[in-house]
Amino acid sequence: MDYTEQIRKNLSNLLGETDFPWLGELYRGKVRDNYSLGNKRIIITTDRQSAFDQVLGSIPCKGQALTQLTCWWFDQTKEIVPNHLISSPDPNAVLCKNVKVFPIEMVIRGYLSGSTSTSAWKAYEKGEREYCGHTLPEGMKKNEPFPKSLITPTTKSDEHDEKISREEIIAQGLVPEEKYKQIEEYTYALFARGQELAKKGGLVLIDTKYEFGEDEAGNIILVDEIHTPDSSRFWKADTYKERIARGEEPENFDKEFLRLWFTERCDPYKDPLPEMPDDFRVEVAQRYIDVYERITGEKFIFPEENILVRIEKNLSVLRQD
C-alpha cells in the first residue's frame, strides 16, 4: 500500500533522541537509546538512520516499524530460543531482561551478495576464497545462493565490526566453545524460520545477524532485533529470478536500497555524505513499513501525536525517581 501522504505528514514528527534521566543510566547507540534499570533495560528505537558506521539522518516512522516487527519475530521464534523481551510499553520501546551480551554478532548468509566492506560479495570480488573460516567455491556469481547458508561472525564494535572465524572466537575466549556451538545451532534454526515466514510475505531473506547473551543462570538469550530491514536483507521473491537472469540487481526491501543510493553518489567511507532529500526519506520509510506489513500481515498504524511526548507518557510508569 502507498503511504506517501501519511509519511510526509510525519517528516517533522521524528524521534531523534531521548533524554529521560528518570529512567536510569543512558547508553546511546547509533539507532537505539538504552536505559539500564538494574536487571531490566528499556530500549527505545529512534528514527535515526545508520549505515557505513555512522548516522545519516532520520527516517519517519522507522523506529516504530523496527520495534513492532522485532516484537512480532520474538513471538514467532520464542520456542527456538528464549529472548529478552518482557513487554512493549510503547510502539517505539521495549522493556527487556538485562543480560550479559556476547561480544560477537552471528551473521548468517544465504546468498553471495552485499555492498559494504565486510560483505561476502566484496571479498569474493577481490578474489578472496577463504571467508570467516569458510572456503567459497569458484565460479559463483553475485546474488547466487550458497550451497549451504554460511555463518560469518563479526566482532561487536561502536566503530566498525570486523570479520572473525569460529576458531578465532573460541581461541580468543570471546565465547566458550560449548556456548558457541549452541548459538550456532540457534542461528541456523532462526534463519530457517525467518526464510520460511518471509517467503509467506513474498520476500526472500538473504542474510541477517543475531545477537545473543546469557542471563545470571547462564541461559542463552536472543537480544537486540531480529529479521528487520536494519539487521537483514530481503528481496522481492516474485521478481528475483527474472531480474538475475537479465543481469539486474534483485528488487530489495531493506537498507540495501539506502546503501546503494549513497554508494552511487560517493565513497561513503571516505567522502562527505550528501543529505537525504525528503522524497528519498519518504521512499525509505515506505520500504520499512512495507516489510512490516508483508511479513506480519498487520496494518501499520501511524502516530497521531508527537512521538517523544507519547513515549514519555507511556514510560512514566517506569520512573526511577
C-alpha atoms as a PDB file:
ATOM      1  CA  MET A   1       0.000   0.000   0.000  1.00  0.00           C
ATOM      2  CA  ASP A   2       1.212   3.513  -0.815  1.00  0.00           C
ATOM      3  CA  TYR A   3       1.578   5.566   2.370  1.00  0.00           C
ATOM      4  CA  THR A   4       3.346   8.568   0.823  1.00  0.00           C
ATOM      5  CA  GLU A   5       0.857  11.097   2.187  1.00  0.00           C
ATOM      6  CA  GLN A   6       0.874   9.720   5.749  1.00  0.00           C
ATOM      7  CA  ILE A   7       4.675   9.512   5.772  1.00  0.00           C
ATOM      8  CA  ARG A   8       5.018  13.100   4.553  1.00  0.00           C
ATOM      9  CA  LYS A   9       2.829  14.243   7.436  1.00  0.00           C
ATOM     10  CA  ASN A  10       5.396  12.710   9.777  1.00  0.00           C
ATOM     11  CA  LEU A  11       8.528  14.178   8.174  1.00  0.00           C
ATOM     12  CA  SER A  12       8.847  16.542  11.142  1.00  0.00           C
ATOM     13  CA  ASN A  13       7.396  14.157  13.743  1.00  0.00           C
ATOM     14  CA  LEU A  14      10.675  12.351  14.238  1.00  0.00           C
ATOM     15  CA  LEU A  15      12.267  10.663  17.205  1.00  0.00           C
ATOM     16  CA  GLY A  16      15.852  11.896  17.032  1.00  0.00           C
ATOM     17  CA  GLU A  17      16.940  11.053  20.572  1.00  0.00           C
ATOM     18  CA  THR A  18      15.593  10.797  24.087  1.00  0.00           C
ATOM     19  CA  ASP A  19      16.789  12.144  27.412  1.00  0.00           C
ATOM     20  CA  PHE A  20      14.937  10.552  30.308  1.00  0.00           C
ATOM     21  CA  PRO A  21      17.356  10.531  33.282  1.00  0.00           C
ATOM     22  CA  TRP A  22      14.485   9.295  35.470  1.00  0.00           C
ATOM     23  CA  LEU A  23      14.544   6.026  33.503  1.00  0.00           C
ATOM     24  CA  GLY A  24      18.078   5.100  34.541  1.00  0.00           C
ATOM     25  CA  GLU A  25      21.599   5.215  33.121  1.00  0.00           C
ATOM     26  CA  LEU A  26      21.618   6.016  29.383  1.00  0.00           C
ATOM     27  CA  TYR A  27      23.722   4.372  26.698  1.00  0.00           C
ATOM     28  CA  ARG A  28      23.099   5.806  23.221  1.00  0.00           C
ATOM     29  CA  GLY A  29      23.873   3.625  20.219  1.00  0.00           C
ATOM     30  CA  LYS A  30      23.643   4.613  16.564  1.00  0.00           C
ATOM     31  CA  VAL A  31      19.905   3.885  16.431  1.00  0.00           C
ATOM     32  CA  ARG A  32      18.758   2.897  19.945  1.00  0.00           C
ATOM     33  CA  ASP A  33      18.710   4.667  23.289  1.00  0.00           C
ATOM     34  CA  ASN A  34      19.204   2.161  26.121  1.00  0.00           C
ATOM     35  CA  TYR A  35      18.283   2.821  29.762  1.00  0.00           C
ATOM     36  CA  SER A  36      19.548   0.409  32.409  1.00  0.00           C
ATOM     37  CA  LEU A  37      17.076  -0.456  35.175  1.00  0.00           C
ATOM     38  CA  GLY A  38      19.147  -2.912  37.180  1.00  0.00           C
ATOM     39  CA  ASN A  39      18.159  -6.365  35.941  1.00  0.00           C
ATOM     40  CA  LYS A  40      15.917  -4.809  33.278  1.00  0.00           C
ATOM     41  CA  ARG A  41      16.532  -2.466  30.363  1.00  0.00           C
ATOM     42  CA  ILE A  42      14.393  -0.064  28.349  1.00  0.00           C
ATOM     43  CA  ILE A  43      15.359   0.062  24.670  1.00  0.00           C
ATOM     44  CA  ILE A  44      13.905   2.930  22.643  1.00  0.00           C
ATOM     45  CA  THR A  45      14.323   2.625  18.886  1.00  0.00           C
ATOM     46  CA  THR A  46      14.651   6.095  17.385  1.00  0.00           C
ATOM     47  CA  ASP A  47      14.193   7.214  13.779  1.00  0.00           C
ATOM     48  CA  ARG A  48      17.948   7.685  13.359  1.00  0.00           C
ATOM     49  CA  GLN A  49      19.218   6.055  10.163  1.00  0.00           C
ATOM     50  CA  SER A  50      22.659   4.453  10.268  1.00  0.00           C
ATOM     51  CA  ALA A  51      24.876   2.908   7.612  1.00  0.00           C
ATOM     52  CA  PHE A  52      28.592   2.881   6.841  1.00  0.00           C
ATOM     53  CA  ASP A  53      29.344   3.097  10.591  1.00  0.00           C
ATOM     54  CA  GLN A  54      27.658   6.475  11.019  1.00  0.00           C
ATOM     55  CA  VAL A  55      24.287   8.177  11.466  1.00  0.00           C
ATOM     56  CA  LEU A  56      22.975   9.588   8.178  1.00  0.00           C
ATOM     57  CA  GLY A  57      19.842  11.412   9.345  1.00  0.00           C
ATOM     58  CA  SER A  58      16.314  10.358  10.308  1.00  0.00           C
ATOM     59  CA  ILE A  59      13.580   8.369   8.556  1.00  0.00           C
ATOM     60  CA  PRO A  60       9.912   8.913   9.533  1.00  0.00           C
ATOM     61  CA  CYS A  61       8.219   6.043  11.416  1.00  0.00           C
ATOM     62  CA  LYS A  62      11.311   3.860  11.132  1.00  0.00           C
ATOM     63  CA  GLY A  63      11.737   3.293  14.862  1.00  0.00           C
ATOM     64  CA  GLN A  64       8.160   2.152  15.279  1.00  0.00           C
ATOM     65  CA  ALA A  65       8.334  -0.216  12.308  1.00  0.00           C
ATOM     66  CA  LEU A  66      11.553  -1.801  13.623  1.00  0.00           C
ATOM     67  CA  THR A  67      10.258  -2.173  17.189  1.00  0.00           C
ATOM     68  CA  GLN A  68       6.926  -3.698  16.245  1.00  0.00           C
ATOM     69  CA  LEU A  69       8.478  -6.045  13.673  1.00  0.00           C
ATOM     70  CA  THR A  70      11.065  -7.260  16.202  1.00  0.00           C
ATOM     71  CA  CYS A  71       8.348  -7.910  18.788  1.00  0.00           C
ATOM     72  CA  TRP A  72       6.438  -9.952  16.198  1.00  0.00           C
ATOM     73  CA  TRP A  73       9.529 -12.001  15.335  1.00  0.00           C
ATOM     74  CA  PHE A  74      10.359 -12.607  19.008  1.00  0.00           C
ATOM     75  CA  ASP A  75       6.906 -14.110  19.409  1.00  0.00           C
ATOM     76  CA  GLN A  76       7.363 -16.286  16.297  1.00  0.00           C
ATOM     77  CA  THR A  77      10.745 -17.660  17.412  1.00  0.00           C
ATOM     78  CA  LYS A  78      10.443 -17.938  21.210  1.00  0.00           C
ATOM     79  CA  GLU A  79      10.125 -21.730  21.033  1.00  0.00           C
ATOM     80  CA  ILE A  80      13.512 -21.900  19.224  1.00  0.00           C
ATOM     81  CA  VAL A  81      15.427 -19.778  21.745  1.00  0.00           C
ATOM     82  CA  PRO A  82      14.334 -17.592  24.682  1.00  0.00           C
ATOM     83  CA  ASN A  83      14.570 -13.844  24.067  1.00  0.00           C
ATOM     84  CA  HIS A  84      14.986 -10.819  26.299  1.00  0.00           C
ATOM     85  CA  LEU A  85      11.569  -9.221  25.628  1.00  0.00           C
ATOM     86  CA  ILE A  86       9.309  -8.622  28.644  1.00  0.00           C
ATOM     87  CA  SER A  87       6.803  -6.146  27.176  1.00  0.00           C
ATOM     88  CA  SER A  88       6.402  -3.253  24.744  1.00  0.00           C
ATOM     89  CA  PRO A  89       5.005  -0.239  26.646  1.00  0.00           C
ATOM     90  CA  ASP A  90       5.211   2.000  23.549  1.00  0.00           C
ATOM     91  CA  PRO A  91       5.337   1.401  19.762  1.00  0.00           C
ATOM     92  CA  ASN A  92       8.984   2.576  19.825  1.00  0.00           C
ATOM     93  CA  ALA A  93      10.077   0.943  23.087  1.00  0.00           C
ATOM     94  CA  VAL A  94      10.562  -2.445  24.724  1.00  0.00           C
ATOM     95  CA  LEU A  95      11.175  -3.481  28.316  1.00  0.00           C
ATOM     96  CA  CYS A  96      13.736  -6.303  28.347  1.00  0.00           C
ATOM     97  CA  LYS A  97      15.782  -8.520  30.622  1.00  0.00           C
ATOM     98  CA  ASN A  98      19.230  -7.060  31.152  1.00  0.00           C
ATOM     99  CA  VAL A  99      21.660  -9.819  30.133  1.00  0.00           C
ATOM    100  CA  LYS A 100      25.401 -10.091  29.517  1.00  0.00           C
ATOM    101  CA  VAL A 101      25.755  -9.836  25.729  1.00  0.00           C
ATOM    102  CA  PHE A 102      28.399 -11.876  23.911  1.00  0.00           C
ATOM    103  CA  PRO A 103      30.948  -9.604  22.115  1.00  0.00           C
ATOM    104  CA  ILE A 104      30.164 -11.018  18.648  1.00  0.00           C
ATOM    105  CA  GLU A 105      27.367 -10.806  16.101  1.00  0.00           C
ATOM    106  CA  MET A 106      26.231 -14.003  14.418  1.00  0.00           C
ATOM    107  CA  VAL A 107      25.909 -13.071  10.749  1.00  0.00           C
ATOM    108  CA  ILE A 108      24.381 -15.764   8.530  1.00  0.00           C
ATOM    109  CA  ARG A 109      24.285 -15.543   4.737  1.00  0.00           C
ATOM    110  CA  GLY A 110      22.179 -17.486   2.286  1.00  0.00           C
ATOM    111  CA  TYR A 111      23.421 -15.691  -0.845  1.00  0.00           C
ATOM    112  CA  LEU A 112      26.671 -14.258  -2.212  1.00  0.00           C
ATOM    113  CA  SER A 113      25.734 -10.601  -2.089  1.00  0.00           C
ATOM    114  CA  GLY A 114      26.254  -7.238  -0.390  1.00  0.00           C
ATOM    115  CA  SER A 115      27.757  -3.796  -0.938  1.00  0.00           C
ATOM    116  CA  THR A 116      29.543  -2.972   2.344  1.00  0.00           C
ATOM    117  CA  SER A 117      33.240  -3.525   3.021  1.00  0.00           C
ATOM    118  CA  THR A 118      32.512  -6.607   5.176  1.00  0.00           C
ATOM    119  CA  SER A 119      30.103  -8.229   2.694  1.00  0.00           C
ATOM    120  CA  ALA A 120      30.755 -11.645   1.180  1.00  0.00           C
ATOM    121  CA  TRP A 121      30.442 -10.327  -2.370  1.00  0.00           C
ATOM    122  CA  LYS A 122      33.051  -7.582  -1.887  1.00  0.00           C
ATOM    123  CA  ALA A 123      35.512 -10.161  -0.550  1.00  0.00           C
ATOM    124  CA  TYR A 124      34.712 -12.632  -3.344  1.00  0.00           C
ATOM    125  CA  GLU A 125      35.007  -9.911  -5.999  1.00  0.00           C
ATOM    126  CA  LYS A 126      38.543  -9.168  -4.769  1.00  0.00           C
ATOM    127  CA  GLY A 127      39.477 -12.823  -5.198  1.00  0.00           C
ATOM    128  CA  GLU A 128      39.164 -13.954  -1.585  1.00  0.00           C
ATOM    129  CA  ARG A 129      38.007 -17.552  -1.266  1.00  0.00           C
ATOM    130  CA  GLU A 130      38.649 -18.014   2.457  1.00  0.00           C
ATOM    131  CA  TYR A 131      35.938 -16.056   4.246  1.00  0.00           C
ATOM    132  CA  CYS A 132      35.355 -16.206   8.010  1.00  0.00           C
ATOM    133  CA  GLY A 133      36.610 -19.796   8.149  1.00  0.00           C
ATOM    134  CA  HIS A 134      34.714 -20.957   5.041  1.00  0.00           C
ATOM    135  CA  THR A 135      36.173 -21.904   1.649  1.00  0.00           C
ATOM    136  CA  LEU A 136      33.988 -20.376  -1.038  1.00  0.00           C
ATOM    137  CA  PRO A 137      33.589 -22.280  -4.334  1.00  0.00           C
ATOM    138  CA  GLU A 138      34.988 -20.880  -7.571  1.00  0.00           C
ATOM    139  CA  GLY A 139      32.729 -19.588 -10.330  1.00  0.00           C
ATOM    140  CA  MET A 140      29.989 -18.077  -8.212  1.00  0.00           C
ATOM    141  CA  LYS A 141      28.083 -15.034  -9.450  1.00  0.00           C
ATOM    142  CA  LYS A 142      26.780 -12.107  -7.473  1.00  0.00           C
ATOM    143  CA  ASN A 143      23.410 -12.745  -5.754  1.00  0.00           C
ATOM    144  CA  GLU A 144      23.670 -16.514  -6.268  1.00  0.00           C
ATOM    145  CA  PRO A 145      22.654 -18.757  -3.321  1.00  0.00           C
ATOM    146  CA  PHE A 146      25.373 -20.581  -1.403  1.00  0.00           C
ATOM    147  CA  PRO A 147      25.157 -24.382  -1.453  1.00  0.00           C
ATOM    148  CA  LYS A 148      24.543 -24.074   2.309  1.00  0.00           C
ATOM    149  CA  SER A 149      23.931 -20.983   4.434  1.00  0.00           C
ATOM    150  CA  LEU A 150      27.174 -19.685   5.962  1.00  0.00           C
ATOM    151  CA  ILE A 151      27.681 -18.308   9.457  1.00  0.00           C
ATOM    152  CA  THR A 152      30.217 -15.471   9.162  1.00  0.00           C
ATOM    153  CA  PRO A 153      30.552 -13.813  12.580  1.00  0.00           C
ATOM    154  CA  THR A 154      31.839 -10.315  13.264  1.00  0.00           C
ATOM    155  CA  THR A 155      33.160  -8.643  16.367  1.00  0.00           C
ATOM    156  CA  LYS A 156      30.893  -6.086  18.035  1.00  0.00           C
ATOM    157  CA  SER A 157      32.124  -2.502  17.894  1.00  0.00           C
ATOM    158  CA  ASP A 158      30.722   1.026  18.140  1.00  0.00           C
ATOM    159  CA  GLU A 159      33.016   1.957  15.275  1.00  0.00           C
ATOM    160  CA  HIS A 160      33.440  -0.837  12.731  1.00  0.00           C
ATOM    161  CA  ASP A 161      32.639  -4.538  13.024  1.00  0.00           C
ATOM    162  CA  GLU A 162      35.436  -6.879  11.952  1.00  0.00           C
ATOM    163  CA  LYS A 163      35.126 -10.320  10.365  1.00  0.00           C
ATOM    164  CA  ILE A 164      36.188 -13.216  12.566  1.00  0.00           C
ATOM    165  CA  SER A 165      36.101 -17.014  12.292  1.00  0.00           C
ATOM    166  CA  ARG A 166      34.603 -19.623  14.602  1.00  0.00           C
ATOM    167  CA  GLU A 167      38.096 -20.828  15.504  1.00  0.00           C
ATOM    168  CA  GLU A 168      39.288 -17.322  16.395  1.00  0.00           C
ATOM    169  CA  ILE A 169      36.235 -16.691  18.592  1.00  0.00           C
ATOM    170  CA  ILE A 170      36.893 -19.844  20.592  1.00  0.00           C
ATOM    171  CA  ALA A 171      40.691 -19.382  20.689  1.00  0.00           C
ATOM    172  CA  GLN A 172      40.347 -15.792  21.947  1.00  0.00           C
ATOM    173  CA  GLY A 173      37.830 -16.835  24.578  1.00  0.00           C
ATOM    174  CA  LEU A 174      35.186 -14.438  23.277  1.00  0.00           C
ATOM    175  CA  VAL A 175      32.555 -17.168  23.735  1.00  0.00           C
ATOM    176  CA  PRO A 176      33.132 -20.542  25.442  1.00  0.00           C
ATOM    177  CA  GLU A 177      33.162 -23.388  22.909  1.00  0.00           C
ATOM    178  CA  GLU A 178      30.048 -25.166  24.222  1.00  0.00           C
ATOM    179  CA  LYS A 179      28.043 -21.943  24.255  1.00  0.00           C
ATOM    180  CA  TYR A 180      29.296 -21.043  20.784  1.00  0.00           C
ATOM    181  CA  LYS A 181      28.120 -24.401  19.460  1.00  0.00           C
ATOM    182  CA  GLN A 182      24.697 -23.698  20.956  1.00  0.00           C
ATOM    183  CA  ILE A 183      24.359 -20.231  19.418  1.00  0.00           C
ATOM    184  CA  GLU A 184      25.443 -21.693  16.077  1.00  0.00           C
ATOM    185  CA  GLU A 185      22.529 -24.133  16.292  1.00  0.00           C
ATOM    186  CA  TYR A 186      20.171 -21.318  17.263  1.00  0.00           C
ATOM    187  CA  THR A 187      21.440 -19.210  14.351  1.00  0.00           C
ATOM    188  CA  TYR A 188      20.721 -21.893  11.749  1.00  0.00           C
ATOM    189  CA  ALA A 189      17.276 -22.578  13.230  1.00  0.00           C
ATOM    190  CA  LEU A 190      16.319 -18.897  13.440  1.00  0.00           C
ATOM    191  CA  PHE A 191      17.434 -18.280   9.863  1.00  0.00           C
ATOM    192  CA  ALA A 192      15.399 -21.225   8.592  1.00  0.00           C
ATOM    193  CA  ARG A 193      12.309 -19.915  10.401  1.00  0.00           C
ATOM    194  CA  GLY A 194      12.977 -16.424   9.086  1.00  0.00           C
ATOM    195  CA  GLN A 195      13.243 -17.616   5.490  1.00  0.00           C
ATOM    196  CA  GLU A 196      10.064 -19.683   5.883  1.00  0.00           C
ATOM    197  CA  LEU A 197       7.932 -16.821   7.226  1.00  0.00           C
ATOM    198  CA  ALA A 198       9.459 -14.176   4.934  1.00  0.00           C
ATOM    199  CA  LYS A 199       8.529 -16.351   1.952  1.00  0.00           C
ATOM    200  CA  LYS A 200       4.882 -16.270   3.056  1.00  0.00           C
ATOM    201  CA  GLY A 201       5.098 -12.475   2.784  1.00  0.00           C
ATOM    202  CA  GLY A 202       6.546 -12.658  -0.728  1.00  0.00           C
ATOM    203  CA  LEU A 203      10.120 -11.945   0.384  1.00  0.00           C
ATOM    204  CA  VAL A 204      13.431 -13.796   0.269  1.00  0.00           C
ATOM    205  CA  LEU A 205      15.514 -13.443   3.441  1.00  0.00           C
ATOM    206  CA  ILE A 206      19.063 -13.103   2.080  1.00  0.00           C
ATOM    207  CA  ASP A 207      21.149 -12.644   5.192  1.00  0.00           C
ATOM    208  CA  THR A 208      20.821 -11.362   8.725  1.00  0.00           C
ATOM    209  CA  LYS A 209      22.594 -11.029  12.046  1.00  0.00           C
ATOM    210  CA  TYR A 210      21.693 -12.153  15.544  1.00  0.00           C
ATOM    211  CA  GLU A 211      22.997 -11.132  18.936  1.00  0.00           C
ATOM    212  CA  PHE A 212      22.959 -13.392  21.963  1.00  0.00           C
ATOM    213  CA  GLY A 213      23.709 -13.031  25.651  1.00  0.00           C
ATOM    214  CA  GLU A 214      23.338 -15.033  28.828  1.00  0.00           C
ATOM    215  CA  ASP A 215      21.345 -14.410  31.979  1.00  0.00           C
ATOM    216  CA  GLU A 216      22.522 -14.846  35.563  1.00  0.00           C
ATOM    217  CA  ALA A 217      21.758 -18.576  35.382  1.00  0.00           C
ATOM    218  CA  GLY A 218      23.883 -18.970  32.236  1.00  0.00           C
ATOM    219  CA  ASN A 219      20.918 -19.435  29.897  1.00  0.00           C
ATOM    220  CA  ILE A 220      21.488 -18.233  26.332  1.00  0.00           C
ATOM    221  CA  ILE A 221      19.102 -15.409  25.367  1.00  0.00           C
ATOM    222  CA  LEU A 222      18.390 -13.800  21.977  1.00  0.00           C
ATOM    223  CA  VAL A 223      18.682  -9.992  22.239  1.00  0.00           C
ATOM    224  CA  ASP A 224      18.570  -6.771  20.210  1.00  0.00           C
ATOM    225  CA  GLU A 225      16.482  -7.060  16.998  1.00  0.00           C
ATOM    226  CA  ILE A 226      15.623  -9.895  14.649  1.00  0.00           C
ATOM    227  CA  HIS A 227      14.775 -10.078  10.925  1.00  0.00           C
ATOM    228  CA  THR A 228      14.260  -6.333  10.443  1.00  0.00           C
ATOM    229  CA  PRO A 229      15.304  -4.252   7.404  1.00  0.00           C
ATOM    230  CA  ASP A 230      18.173  -2.879   9.528  1.00  0.00           C
ATOM    231  CA  SER A 231      19.591  -6.243  10.555  1.00  0.00           C
ATOM    232  CA  SER A 232      18.623  -8.246   7.467  1.00  0.00           C
ATOM    233  CA  ARG A 233      18.351  -8.031   3.719  1.00  0.00           C
ATOM    234  CA  PHE A 234      15.226  -9.018   1.797  1.00  0.00           C
ATOM    235  CA  TRP A 235      14.481  -9.395  -1.902  1.00  0.00           C
ATOM    236  CA  LYS A 236      11.110  -9.483  -3.580  1.00  0.00           C
ATOM    237  CA  ALA A 237      10.508 -13.173  -4.277  1.00  0.00           C
ATOM    238  CA  ASP A 238       8.397 -12.981  -7.440  1.00  0.00           C
ATOM    239  CA  THR A 239      10.919 -10.896  -9.420  1.00  0.00           C
ATOM    240  CA  TYR A 240      14.223 -12.308  -8.120  1.00  0.00           C
ATOM    241  CA  LYS A 241      14.903 -14.976 -10.756  1.00  0.00           C
ATOM    242  CA  GLU A 242      13.922 -12.901 -13.794  1.00  0.00           C
ATOM    243  CA  ARG A 243      15.969  -9.913 -12.655  1.00  0.00           C
ATOM    244  CA  ILE A 244      19.026 -12.092 -12.020  1.00  0.00           C
ATOM    245  CA  ALA A 245      18.579 -13.679 -15.465  1.00  0.00           C
ATOM    246  CA  ARG A 246      18.679 -10.184 -17.014  1.00  0.00           C
ATOM    247  CA  GLY A 247      21.806  -9.292 -15.061  1.00  0.00           C
ATOM    248  CA  GLU A 248      19.920  -6.835 -12.855  1.00  0.00           C
ATOM    249  CA  GLU A 249      20.065  -6.344  -9.114  1.00  0.00           C
ATOM    250  CA  PRO A 250      17.223  -8.015  -7.205  1.00  0.00           C
ATOM    251  CA  GLU A 251      14.370  -5.791  -6.042  1.00  0.00           C
ATOM    252  CA  ASN A 252      15.371  -5.208  -2.440  1.00  0.00           C
ATOM    253  CA  PHE A 253      13.188  -4.361   0.558  1.00  0.00           C
ATOM    254  CA  ASP A 254      15.721  -3.351   3.156  1.00  0.00           C
ATOM    255  CA  LYS A 255      18.534  -0.934   3.962  1.00  0.00           C
ATOM    256  CA  GLU A 256      20.488  -2.044   0.875  1.00  0.00           C
ATOM    257  CA  PHE A 257      18.362   0.378  -1.157  1.00  0.00           C
ATOM    258  CA  LEU A 258      19.686   3.209   1.002  1.00  0.00           C
ATOM    259  CA  ARG A 259      23.292   1.946   0.902  1.00  0.00           C
ATOM    260  CA  LEU A 260      23.212   1.781  -2.903  1.00  0.00           C
ATOM    261  CA  TRP A 261      21.827   5.342  -3.108  1.00  0.00           C
ATOM    262  CA  PHE A 262      24.870   6.623  -1.214  1.00  0.00           C
ATOM    263  CA  THR A 263      27.476   4.439  -2.942  1.00  0.00           C
ATOM    264  CA  GLU A 264      26.246   5.676  -6.323  1.00  0.00           C
ATOM    265  CA  ARG A 265      26.998   9.253  -5.224  1.00  0.00           C
ATOM    266  CA  CYS A 266      30.217   8.958  -3.207  1.00  0.00           C
ATOM    267  CA  ASP A 267      32.613   6.696  -1.358  1.00  0.00           C
ATOM    268  CA  PRO A 268      30.660   6.589   1.912  1.00  0.00           C
ATOM    269  CA  TYR A 269      33.701   5.529   3.941  1.00  0.00           C
ATOM    270  CA  LYS A 270      35.839   8.454   2.748  1.00  0.00           C
ATOM    271  CA  ASP A 271      33.747  11.272   1.252  1.00  0.00           C
ATOM    272  CA  PRO A 272      31.320  13.719   2.873  1.00  0.00           C
ATOM    273  CA  LEU A 273      27.852  12.198   2.580  1.00  0.00           C
ATOM    274  CA  PRO A 274      25.061  14.021   0.736  1.00  0.00           C
ATOM    275  CA  GLU A 275      21.948  14.972   2.702  1.00  0.00           C
ATOM    276  CA  MET A 276      18.965  12.734   2.072  1.00  0.00           C
ATOM    277  CA  PRO A 277      16.196  14.662   0.241  1.00  0.00           C
ATOM    278  CA  ASP A 278      12.653  14.374   1.591  1.00  0.00           C
ATOM    279  CA  ASP A 279      11.394  12.326  -1.366  1.00  0.00           C
ATOM    280  CA  PHE A 280      14.118   9.765  -0.725  1.00  0.00           C
ATOM    281  CA  ARG A 281      13.410   9.684   3.022  1.00  0.00           C
ATOM    282  CA  VAL A 282       9.742   9.028   2.243  1.00  0.00           C
ATOM    283  CA  GLU A 283      10.688   6.171  -0.080  1.00  0.00           C
ATOM    284  CA  VAL A 284      12.960   4.607   2.557  1.00  0.00           C
ATOM    285  CA  ALA A 285      10.174   4.876   5.162  1.00  0.00           C
ATOM    286  CA  GLN A 286       7.743   3.234   2.756  1.00  0.00           C
ATOM    287  CA  ARG A 287      10.069   0.248   2.476  1.00  0.00           C
ATOM    288  CA  TYR A 288      10.360  -0.188   6.238  1.00  0.00           C
ATOM    289  CA  ILE A 289       6.577  -0.116   6.565  1.00  0.00           C
ATOM    290  CA  ASP A 290       6.111  -2.391   3.551  1.00  0.00           C
ATOM    291  CA  VAL A 291       8.381  -5.069   5.039  1.00  0.00           C
ATOM    292  CA  TYR A 292       6.493  -4.840   8.347  1.00  0.00           C
ATOM    293  CA  GLU A 293       3.124  -5.331   6.657  1.00  0.00           C
ATOM    294  CA  ARG A 294       4.285  -8.043   4.246  1.00  0.00           C
ATOM    295  CA  ILE A 295       5.815 -10.169   6.988  1.00  0.00           C
ATOM    296  CA  THR A 296       3.320  -9.678   9.822  1.00  0.00           C
ATOM    297  CA  GLY A 297       0.159  -9.348   7.719  1.00  0.00           C
ATOM    298  CA  GLU A 298      -0.819  -6.458  10.013  1.00  0.00           C
ATOM    299  CA  LYS A 299      -1.656  -2.879   9.042  1.00  0.00           C
ATOM    300  CA  PHE A 300       0.834  -0.229  10.166  1.00  0.00           C
ATOM    301  CA  ILE A 301      -0.747   2.372  12.473  1.00  0.00           C
ATOM    302  CA  PHE A 302       0.764   5.842  12.061  1.00  0.00           C
ATOM    303  CA  PRO A 303       1.437   8.032  15.126  1.00  0.00           C
ATOM    304  CA  GLU A 304      -1.279  10.567  15.883  1.00  0.00           C
ATOM    305  CA  GLU A 305       0.666  12.695  18.367  1.00  0.00           C
ATOM    306  CA  ASN A 306       4.199  13.889  18.992  1.00  0.00           C
ATOM    307  CA  ILE A 307       6.272  10.706  19.337  1.00  0.00           C
ATOM    308  CA  LEU A 308       8.561  11.999  22.085  1.00  0.00           C
ATOM    309  CA  VAL A 309       5.621  13.224  24.184  1.00  0.00           C
ATOM    310  CA  ARG A 310       3.825   9.905  23.718  1.00  0.00           C
ATOM    311  CA  ILE A 311       6.876   7.866  24.730  1.00  0.00           C
ATOM    312  CA  GLU A 312       7.471   9.923  27.877  1.00  0.00           C
ATOM    313  CA  LYS A 313       3.817   9.450  28.845  1.00  0.00           C
ATOM    314  CA  ASN A 314       3.841   5.701  28.175  1.00  0.00           C
ATOM    315  CA  LEU A 315       7.101   5.126  30.042  1.00  0.00           C
ATOM    316  CA  SER A 316       6.234   7.309  33.022  1.00  0.00           C
ATOM    317  CA  VAL A 317       5.092   4.222  34.969  1.00  0.00           C
ATOM    318  CA  LEU A 318       8.723   3.081  34.944  1.00  0.00           C
ATOM    319  CA  ARG A 319      10.117   6.237  36.543  1.00  0.00           C
ATOM    320  CA  GLN A 320      13.179   5.663  38.724  1.00  0.00           C
ATOM    321  CA  ASP A 321      12.802   8.812  40.844  1.00  0.00           C
END
